[in-house]
Protein backbone atom coordinates (compact mmCIF):
# COMPACT_ATOMS: atom_id res chain seq x y z
CA MET A 1 0.00 0.00 0.00
CA THR A 2 1.14 3.51 -0.68
CA LYS A 3 1.48 5.97 2.15
CA ARG A 4 -1.27 8.60 2.37
CA GLU A 5 -0.81 12.24 3.17
CA GLN A 6 -1.11 12.74 6.92
CA ASP A 7 -4.68 13.35 8.11
CA GLU A 8 -4.65 15.30 11.38
CA VAL A 9 -8.28 14.48 12.23
CA ARG A 10 -7.66 10.73 11.87
CA GLU A 11 -4.34 10.98 13.69
CA GLU A 12 -6.06 12.66 16.65
CA ARG A 13 -8.96 10.17 16.70
CA ILE A 14 -6.58 7.20 16.55
CA LEU A 15 -4.37 8.66 19.25
CA MET A 16 -7.22 9.59 21.60
CA GLU A 17 -9.71 6.76 20.96
CA VAL A 18 -7.73 3.76 19.76
CA VAL A 19 -4.21 3.66 21.14
CA VAL A 20 -4.63 6.00 24.12
CA ASP A 21 -2.88 4.51 27.17
CA ALA A 22 -1.48 1.64 25.06
CA TYR A 23 2.11 1.02 26.10
CA GLY A 24 3.02 -2.02 24.08
CA PRO A 25 2.10 -4.04 21.00
CA GLU A 26 -0.55 -6.17 22.69
CA GLU A 27 -2.27 -3.12 24.21
CA ARG A 28 -2.28 -1.37 20.81
CA ALA A 29 -3.71 -4.52 19.20
CA MET A 30 -6.47 -4.68 21.81
CA GLY A 31 -7.12 -0.95 21.45
CA TRP A 32 -7.73 -1.45 17.76
CA TYR A 33 -9.77 -4.60 18.33
CA TYR A 34 -12.17 -2.98 20.79
CA TYR A 35 -12.40 0.26 18.83
CA LEU A 36 -13.47 -1.68 15.73
CA ASP A 37 -15.69 -4.03 17.73
CA ASP A 38 -17.52 -1.00 19.10
CA ARG A 39 -17.79 0.93 15.81
CA LEU A 40 -18.42 -1.71 13.12
CA SER A 41 -22.02 -2.68 12.36
CA PHE A 42 -22.27 -6.19 10.96
CA PRO A 43 -22.96 -7.46 8.43
CA PHE A 44 -21.59 -5.06 5.83
CA LYS A 45 -20.73 -5.47 2.18
CA ALA A 46 -17.09 -5.12 1.11
CA ARG A 47 -15.01 -5.51 -2.03
CA CYS A 48 -11.52 -6.93 -2.38
CA ALA A 49 -9.26 -3.99 -3.24
CA ARG A 50 -5.87 -5.63 -2.72
CA GLU A 51 -4.78 -9.18 -3.33
CA ARG A 52 -2.94 -10.92 -0.50
CA THR A 53 -1.11 -14.23 -0.66
CA ILE A 54 -2.94 -15.33 2.50
CA SER A 55 -6.37 -14.77 0.93
CA PRO A 56 -8.17 -16.48 -1.95
CA LEU A 57 -10.01 -13.29 -2.99
CA ARG A 58 -9.25 -11.49 -6.21
CA ILE A 59 -9.60 -7.76 -6.78
CA GLY A 60 -13.23 -6.82 -7.33
CA GLU A 61 -14.81 -9.79 -5.56
CA GLU A 62 -17.55 -8.77 -3.14
CA VAL A 63 -18.16 -10.39 0.24
CA LEU A 64 -20.45 -9.93 3.21
CA VAL A 65 -18.40 -9.26 6.33
CA GLU A 66 -20.11 -10.98 9.25
CA ARG A 67 -17.94 -10.20 12.29
CA LEU A 68 -14.46 -9.65 13.65
CA ALA A 69 -12.21 -12.64 14.17
CA THR A 70 -11.33 -13.42 17.79
CA GLU A 71 -9.00 -11.21 19.82
CA ASP A 72 -6.21 -13.80 19.59
CA GLU A 73 -6.44 -13.88 15.80
CA CYS A 74 -6.11 -10.07 15.64
CA LEU A 75 -2.85 -9.70 17.58
CA GLN A 76 -0.82 -9.09 14.39
CA GLU A 77 -3.43 -7.39 12.21
CA ILE A 78 -7.22 -7.12 12.10
CA PHE A 79 -9.08 -10.02 10.51
CA VAL A 80 -12.79 -10.22 9.73
CA LEU A 81 -14.89 -13.29 9.05
CA ILE A 82 -17.02 -14.10 6.01
CA THR A 83 -18.80 -17.19 4.75
CA TRP A 84 -16.99 -18.43 1.66
CA GLN A 85 -17.73 -21.69 -0.16
CA ASP A 86 -19.87 -22.93 2.75
CA ARG A 87 -17.27 -22.30 5.45
CA THR A 88 -16.07 -19.45 7.61
CA LEU A 89 -12.98 -17.68 6.32
CA GLY A 90 -10.87 -14.97 7.95
CA LEU A 91 -9.65 -12.10 5.77
CA PRO A 92 -7.39 -9.14 6.54
CA LEU A 93 -9.56 -6.05 6.93
CA ALA A 94 -6.86 -4.06 5.12
CA GLN A 95 -7.64 -6.08 1.99
CA LEU A 96 -11.26 -4.91 1.83
CA ASP A 97 -12.96 -1.66 0.91
CA VAL A 98 -16.43 -1.04 2.31
CA VAL A 99 -19.15 -1.05 -0.36
CA GLU A 100 -22.21 -0.59 1.80
CA ALA A 101 -22.32 0.23 5.53
CA ASP A 102 -23.29 2.89 8.04
CA GLU A 103 -21.16 5.99 8.69
CA ASP A 104 -19.47 4.62 11.82
CA THR A 105 -18.38 1.49 9.97
CA LEU A 106 -17.08 3.52 7.02
CA GLU A 107 -15.10 5.80 9.32
CA ALA A 108 -13.67 3.00 11.47
CA VAL A 109 -12.56 0.91 8.48
CA GLY A 110 -11.11 4.08 6.99
CA ASP A 111 -9.17 4.64 10.21
CA TRP A 112 -7.73 1.11 10.04
CA HIS A 113 -6.79 1.52 6.36
CA TYR A 114 -5.12 4.84 7.18
CA TRP A 115 -3.12 3.25 10.03
CA VAL A 116 -1.92 0.44 7.76
CA GLU A 117 -1.15 2.75 4.82
CA GLN A 118 0.89 5.04 7.07
CA GLY A 119 3.07 2.05 7.89
CA TYR A 120 2.12 2.09 11.57
CA SER A 121 2.17 -1.17 13.49
CA TYR A 122 1.35 -2.56 16.92
CA GLY A 123 5.08 -2.83 17.65
C-alpha cells in the first residue's frame, strides 16, 4: 500500500480513541480490536481492493463481512470473518474496501486503512 498524506483528524482520533494509554504491541492490538468491535455494524458489504497471498479473494470480488475474528487472531493485524464456499474464512480487513455500511463502519474501516497505509504497526 502507498502511504497517504497525513490526516490530522484521523491521527487525533486514533491517538485519543484507539491507542490511548497503550504502552506495548498487545495493548495497541487490543485498542484497535475494541475500537473496531464498538464501531463496526455487521454485516456489511465489502469488495476486495488488494490481493494478499494469505487470501483467496481477487480484486473486485464482493463479500459480506459478518464479524471480527477473535481477539487472539487479531494480535498481528485485524481479521474479519465471512462465509466463503460454505465455510467461515478470515480475511485481513486491510484487503477490503467497504461497499455498503453505516457511517461509523465507514469511518472506522477508513481509520484502520489509514493506520496500515501510514506504515504504523502494533510494535
